[in-house]
Amino acid sequence: MEEFKVAGDQLVDTVKKLIEEGNARRITIKNREGKVIVEVPLTIGVVGVALAPMLAALGAVAGLLTECTVAVERDPPVMT
């Protein structure tokens, strides 16, 4: 699990980048006090149209937050 702080206005862009990386399994957004605001499980093949409502909701949440923590659960690296 990886956590980092972002400003509310950077939340949607940060989540988009994490999704584009392709190895995030779950993204959790927490407020300044550490309370979970949004938890998004990501599955293989979730793209485009399926993500649009989630990103719109994050945009609304971001407008209410000045600072938040993004926690990312990633898939383990594949050993070849």
C-alpha atoms as a PDB file:
ATOM      1  CA  MET A   1       0.000   0.000   0.000  1.00  0.00           C
ATOM      2  CA  GLU A   2       1.325   3.390  -1.006  1.00  0.00           C
ATOM      3  CA  GLU A   3      -0.068   6.677   0.353  1.00  0.00           C
ATOM      4  CA  PHE A   4       0.564  10.268  -0.627  1.00  0.00           C
ATOM      5  CA  LYS A   5      -1.065  13.643  -0.049  1.00  0.00           C
ATOM      6  CA  VAL A   6      -2.502  15.734  -2.861  1.00  0.00           C
ATOM      7  CA  ALA A   7      -4.364  19.020  -3.047  1.00  0.00           C
ATOM      8  CA  GLY A   8      -8.071  18.725  -3.764  1.00  0.00           C
ATOM      9  CA  ASP A   9      -7.719  20.369  -7.171  1.00  0.00           C
ATOM     10  CA  GLN A  10      -5.134  17.749  -8.218  1.00  0.00           C
ATOM     11  CA  LEU A  11      -7.179  14.734  -7.133  1.00  0.00           C
ATOM     12  CA  VAL A  12      -8.816  13.820 -10.453  1.00  0.00           C
ATOM     13  CA  ASP A  13      -5.566  14.174 -12.422  1.00  0.00           C
ATOM     14  CA  THR A  14      -3.721  12.049  -9.869  1.00  0.00           C
ATOM     15  CA  VAL A  15      -6.341   9.289 -10.004  1.00  0.00           C
ATOM     16  CA  LYS A  16      -6.319   9.346 -13.822  1.00  0.00           C
ATOM     17  CA  LYS A  17      -2.536   8.870 -13.833  1.00  0.00           C
ATOM     18  CA  LEU A  18      -2.782   5.970 -11.389  1.00  0.00           C
ATOM     19  CA  ILE A  19      -5.412   4.265 -13.542  1.00  0.00           C
ATOM     20  CA  GLU A  20      -3.333   4.781 -16.693  1.00  0.00           C
ATOM     21  CA  GLU A  21      -0.347   3.087 -15.030  1.00  0.00           C
ATOM     22  CA  GLY A  22      -2.465  -0.056 -15.048  1.00  0.00           C
ATOM     23  CA  ASN A  23      -1.198  -1.736 -11.881  1.00  0.00           C
ATOM     24  CA  ALA A  24      -3.507  -0.172  -9.282  1.00  0.00           C
ATOM     25  CA  ARG A  25      -5.951  -2.642  -7.747  1.00  0.00           C
ATOM     26  CA  ARG A  26      -7.754  -0.267  -5.384  1.00  0.00           C
ATOM     27  CA  ILE A  27      -7.656   3.496  -4.824  1.00  0.00           C
ATOM     28  CA  THR A  28      -8.851   4.970  -1.537  1.00  0.00           C
ATOM     29  CA  ILE A  29      -9.376   8.710  -0.971  1.00  0.00           C
ATOM     30  CA  LYS A  30      -9.195   9.931   2.633  1.00  0.00           C
ATOM     31  CA  ASN A  31      -9.865  13.369   4.057  1.00  0.00           C
ATOM     32  CA  ARG A  32      -7.397  15.324   6.178  1.00  0.00           C
ATOM     33  CA  GLU A  33      -8.489  13.460   9.331  1.00  0.00           C
ATOM     34  CA  GLY A  34      -7.940  10.053   7.695  1.00  0.00           C
ATOM     35  CA  LYS A  35     -11.625   9.196   7.185  1.00  0.00           C
ATOM     36  CA  VAL A  36     -12.293   7.236   3.982  1.00  0.00           C
ATOM     37  CA  ILE A  37     -14.316   9.372   1.573  1.00  0.00           C
ATOM     38  CA  VAL A  38     -14.224   7.178  -1.551  1.00  0.00           C
ATOM     39  CA  GLU A  39     -12.909   3.687  -2.179  1.00  0.00           C
ATOM     40  CA  VAL A  40     -12.636   2.539  -5.784  1.00  0.00           C
ATOM     41  CA  PRO A  41     -11.839  -1.081  -6.626  1.00  0.00           C
ATOM     42  CA  LEU A  42     -10.291  -1.374 -10.070  1.00  0.00           C
ATOM     43  CA  THR A  43     -10.514  -4.497 -12.151  1.00  0.00           C
ATOM     44  CA  ILE A  44      -8.720  -5.517 -15.297  1.00  0.00           C
ATOM     45  CA  GLY A  45     -10.471  -4.069 -18.311  1.00  0.00           C
ATOM     46  CA  VAL A  46     -12.063  -1.077 -16.580  1.00  0.00           C
ATOM     47  CA  VAL A  47     -11.586   1.770 -19.026  1.00  0.00           C
ATOM     48  CA  GLY A  48     -13.152   4.830 -20.576  1.00  0.00           C
ATOM     49  CA  VAL A  49     -16.917   4.874 -20.241  1.00  0.00           C
ATOM     50  CA  ALA A  50     -16.906   2.778 -17.062  1.00  0.00           C
ATOM     51  CA  LEU A  51     -14.577   5.274 -15.355  1.00  0.00           C
ATOM     52  CA  ALA A  52     -16.407   8.443 -16.394  1.00  0.00           C
ATOM     53  CA  PRO A  53     -19.009   8.412 -13.569  1.00  0.00           C
ATOM     54  CA  MET A  54     -16.344   7.643 -10.974  1.00  0.00           C
ATOM     55  CA  LEU A  55     -14.134  10.496 -12.174  1.00  0.00           C
ATOM     56  CA  ALA A  56     -17.109  12.879 -12.178  1.00  0.00           C
ATOM     57  CA  ALA A  57     -17.857  11.909  -8.566  1.00  0.00           C
ATOM     58  CA  LEU A  58     -14.207  12.449  -7.634  1.00  0.00           C
ATOM     59  CA  GLY A  59     -14.374  15.885  -9.216  1.00  0.00           C
ATOM     60  CA  ALA A  60     -17.312  16.771  -6.973  1.00  0.00           C
ATOM     61  CA  VAL A  61     -15.515  15.433  -3.904  1.00  0.00           C
ATOM     62  CA  ALA A  62     -12.334  17.275  -4.851  1.00  0.00           C
ATOM     63  CA  GLY A  63     -14.228  20.562  -4.801  1.00  0.00           C
ATOM     64  CA  LEU A  64     -14.965  20.009  -1.121  1.00  0.00           C
ATOM     65  CA  LEU A  65     -11.459  18.977  -0.070  1.00  0.00           C
ATOM     66  CA  THR A  66      -8.443  21.228   0.288  1.00  0.00           C
ATOM     67  CA  GLU A  67      -6.089  18.345   0.971  1.00  0.00           C
ATOM     68  CA  CYS A  68      -6.568  14.593   0.858  1.00  0.00           C
ATOM     69  CA  THR A  69      -4.613  11.373   1.022  1.00  0.00           C
ATOM     70  CA  VAL A  70      -4.629   8.920  -1.851  1.00  0.00           C
ATOM     71  CA  ALA A  71      -3.901   5.315  -0.869  1.00  0.00           C
ATOM     72  CA  VAL A  72      -3.059   2.938  -3.708  1.00  0.00           C
ATOM     73  CA  GLU A  73      -3.069  -0.838  -3.483  1.00  0.00           C
ATOM     74  CA  ARG A  74      -1.076  -2.185  -6.404  1.00  0.00           C
ATOM     75  CA  ASP A  75      -0.877  -5.586  -8.027  1.00  0.00           C
ATOM     76  CA  PRO A  76       2.317  -7.405  -7.067  1.00  0.00           C
ATOM     77  CA  PRO A  77       5.012  -7.325  -9.756  1.00  0.00           C
ATOM     78  CA  VAL A  78       5.029 -10.325 -12.071  1.00  0.00           C
ATOM     79  CA  MET A  79       8.239 -12.326 -11.947  1.00  0.00           C
ATOM     80  CA  THR A  80       9.353 -13.792 -15.263  1.00  0.00           C
END
